[in-house]
Amino acid sequence: MQVKKVLSWGGIGFAAYYLLARPNDAATAVKGTFDSVFNAADSLAQFVNNLT
């Protein structure tokens, strides 16, 4: 249980450091993540539409 807590705080700390040290790269990473999620949702919608 303690390891999970340490890893969680470490991840939050790394994300905060990355955001402050390289804001442009962080923005690009977030944009890429959202693009991937939207593309996956679009693909899923197309799949469901083709089932009928």
N, C-alpha and C. Protein backbone atom coordinates (compact mmCIF):
# COMPACT_ATOMS: atom_id res chain seq x y z
N MET A 1 0.82 -1.19 0.00
CA MET A 1 0.00 0.00 0.00
C MET A 1 0.87 1.25 0.00
N GLN A 2 1.96 1.21 0.72
CA GLN A 2 2.86 2.35 0.80
C GLN A 2 3.54 2.61 -0.54
N VAL A 3 3.86 1.54 -1.28
CA VAL A 3 4.53 1.69 -2.57
C VAL A 3 3.61 2.42 -3.55
N LYS A 4 2.34 2.07 -3.54
CA LYS A 4 1.38 2.72 -4.43
C LYS A 4 1.31 4.22 -4.14
N LYS A 5 1.32 4.57 -2.88
CA LYS A 5 1.26 5.98 -2.49
C LYS A 5 2.51 6.73 -2.94
N VAL A 6 3.67 6.12 -2.76
CA VAL A 6 4.93 6.75 -3.16
C VAL A 6 4.98 6.91 -4.68
N LEU A 7 4.57 5.88 -5.43
CA LEU A 7 4.57 5.97 -6.89
C LEU A 7 3.57 7.01 -7.39
N SER A 8 2.44 7.11 -6.73
CA SER A 8 1.44 8.11 -7.12
C SER A 8 1.99 9.52 -6.93
N TRP A 9 2.56 9.79 -5.76
CA TRP A 9 3.12 11.11 -5.50
C TRP A 9 4.32 11.39 -6.41
N GLY A 10 5.09 10.36 -6.70
CA GLY A 10 6.22 10.53 -7.61
C GLY A 10 5.75 10.90 -9.01
N GLY A 11 4.68 10.25 -9.47
CA GLY A 11 4.11 10.56 -10.78
C GLY A 11 3.56 11.98 -10.84
N ILE A 12 2.90 12.40 -9.78
CA ILE A 12 2.37 13.76 -9.72
C ILE A 12 3.51 14.77 -9.72
N GLY A 13 4.55 14.47 -8.95
CA GLY A 13 5.71 15.35 -8.90
C GLY A 13 6.41 15.45 -10.25
N PHE A 14 6.56 14.32 -10.92
CA PHE A 14 7.20 14.33 -12.24
C PHE A 14 6.36 15.13 -13.23
N ALA A 15 5.04 14.96 -13.21
CA ALA A 15 4.17 15.70 -14.12
C ALA A 15 4.26 17.20 -13.87
N ALA A 16 4.28 17.59 -12.60
CA ALA A 16 4.40 19.01 -12.26
C ALA A 16 5.74 19.57 -12.72
N TYR A 17 6.81 18.84 -12.49
CA TYR A 17 8.13 19.28 -12.93
C TYR A 17 8.18 19.40 -14.45
N TYR A 18 7.66 18.41 -15.16
CA TYR A 18 7.66 18.42 -16.62
C TYR A 18 6.86 19.60 -17.14
N LEU A 19 5.72 19.88 -16.50
CA LEU A 19 4.88 21.00 -16.91
C LEU A 19 5.60 22.32 -16.73
N LEU A 20 6.34 22.47 -15.64
CA LEU A 20 7.04 23.73 -15.38
C LEU A 20 8.34 23.85 -16.17
N ALA A 21 9.03 22.74 -16.37
CA ALA A 21 10.32 22.79 -17.05
C ALA A 21 10.18 22.86 -18.57
N ARG A 22 9.19 22.18 -19.11
CA ARG A 22 8.99 22.12 -20.57
C ARG A 22 7.51 22.26 -20.91
N PRO A 23 6.96 23.46 -20.76
CA PRO A 23 5.52 23.63 -20.99
C PRO A 23 5.08 23.32 -22.42
N ASN A 24 5.92 23.65 -23.41
CA ASN A 24 5.53 23.37 -24.79
C ASN A 24 5.46 21.87 -25.06
N ASP A 25 6.45 21.14 -24.55
CA ASP A 25 6.43 19.69 -24.72
C ASP A 25 5.26 19.06 -23.97
N ALA A 26 4.95 19.59 -22.79
CA ALA A 26 3.82 19.07 -22.02
C ALA A 26 2.51 19.31 -22.77
N ALA A 27 2.36 20.49 -23.35
CA ALA A 27 1.15 20.79 -24.11
C ALA A 27 1.02 19.88 -25.33
N THR A 28 2.14 19.62 -25.99
CA THR A 28 2.13 18.72 -27.14
C THR A 28 1.73 17.31 -26.72
N ALA A 29 2.24 16.85 -25.57
CA ALA A 29 1.89 15.52 -25.08
C ALA A 29 0.41 15.42 -24.75
N VAL A 30 -0.14 16.45 -24.12
CA VAL A 30 -1.57 16.44 -23.77
C VAL A 30 -2.41 16.47 -25.03
N LYS A 31 -2.02 17.30 -25.99
CA LYS A 31 -2.76 17.38 -27.26
C LYS A 31 -2.73 16.03 -27.97
N GLY A 32 -1.60 15.38 -27.99
CA GLY A 32 -1.49 14.07 -28.62
C GLY A 32 -2.37 13.04 -27.93
N THR A 33 -2.42 13.10 -26.61
CA THR A 33 -3.27 12.18 -25.85
C THR A 33 -4.75 12.39 -26.18
N PHE A 34 -5.18 13.65 -26.20
CA PHE A 34 -6.58 13.92 -26.52
C PHE A 34 -6.90 13.53 -27.96
N ASP A 35 -5.98 13.78 -28.88
CA ASP A 35 -6.20 13.36 -30.27
C ASP A 35 -6.38 11.85 -30.36
N SER A 36 -5.57 11.12 -29.62
CA SER A 36 -5.67 9.65 -29.63
C SER A 36 -7.01 9.18 -29.07
N VAL A 37 -7.46 9.81 -27.99
CA VAL A 37 -8.74 9.44 -27.38
C VAL A 37 -9.88 9.73 -28.35
N PHE A 38 -9.85 10.91 -28.98
CA PHE A 38 -10.91 11.26 -29.92
C PHE A 38 -10.90 10.34 -31.14
N ASN A 39 -9.73 9.97 -31.63
CA ASN A 39 -9.64 9.05 -32.76
C ASN A 39 -10.18 7.67 -32.38
N ALA A 40 -9.88 7.23 -31.17
CA ALA A 40 -10.40 5.94 -30.71
C ALA A 40 -11.92 5.97 -30.59
N ALA A 41 -12.46 7.07 -30.07
CA ALA A 41 -13.91 7.19 -29.95
C ALA A 41 -14.56 7.22 -31.32
N ASP A 42 -13.95 7.91 -32.26
CA ASP A 42 -14.49 7.96 -33.61
C ASP A 42 -14.46 6.58 -34.26
N SER A 43 -13.38 5.85 -34.07
CA SER A 43 -13.28 4.49 -34.62
C SER A 43 -14.33 3.58 -34.00
N LEU A 44 -14.54 3.70 -32.71
CA LEU A 44 -15.56 2.90 -32.04
C LEU A 44 -16.96 3.23 -32.57
N ALA A 45 -17.23 4.52 -32.78
CA ALA A 45 -18.53 4.94 -33.32
C ALA A 45 -18.73 4.38 -34.72
N GLN A 46 -17.69 4.42 -35.54
CA GLN A 46 -17.80 3.86 -36.89
C GLN A 46 -18.05 2.36 -36.84
N PHE A 47 -17.38 1.67 -35.94
CA PHE A 47 -17.57 0.22 -35.78
C PHE A 47 -19.02 -0.09 -35.41
N VAL A 48 -19.55 0.64 -34.43
CA VAL A 48 -20.92 0.39 -33.99
C VAL A 48 -21.91 0.70 -35.12
N ASN A 49 -21.66 1.77 -35.85
CA ASN A 49 -22.55 2.11 -36.97
C ASN A 49 -22.53 1.05 -38.06
N ASN A 50 -21.39 0.42 -38.27
CA ASN A 50 -21.29 -0.61 -39.30
C ASN A 50 -21.87 -1.94 -38.87
N LEU A 51 -22.18 -2.11 -37.62
CA LEU A 51 -22.78 -3.36 -37.14
C LEU A 51 -24.22 -3.50 -37.60
N THR A 52 -24.89 -2.39 -37.85
CA THR A 52 -26.32 -2.47 -38.22
C THR A 52 -26.51 -2.62 -39.70
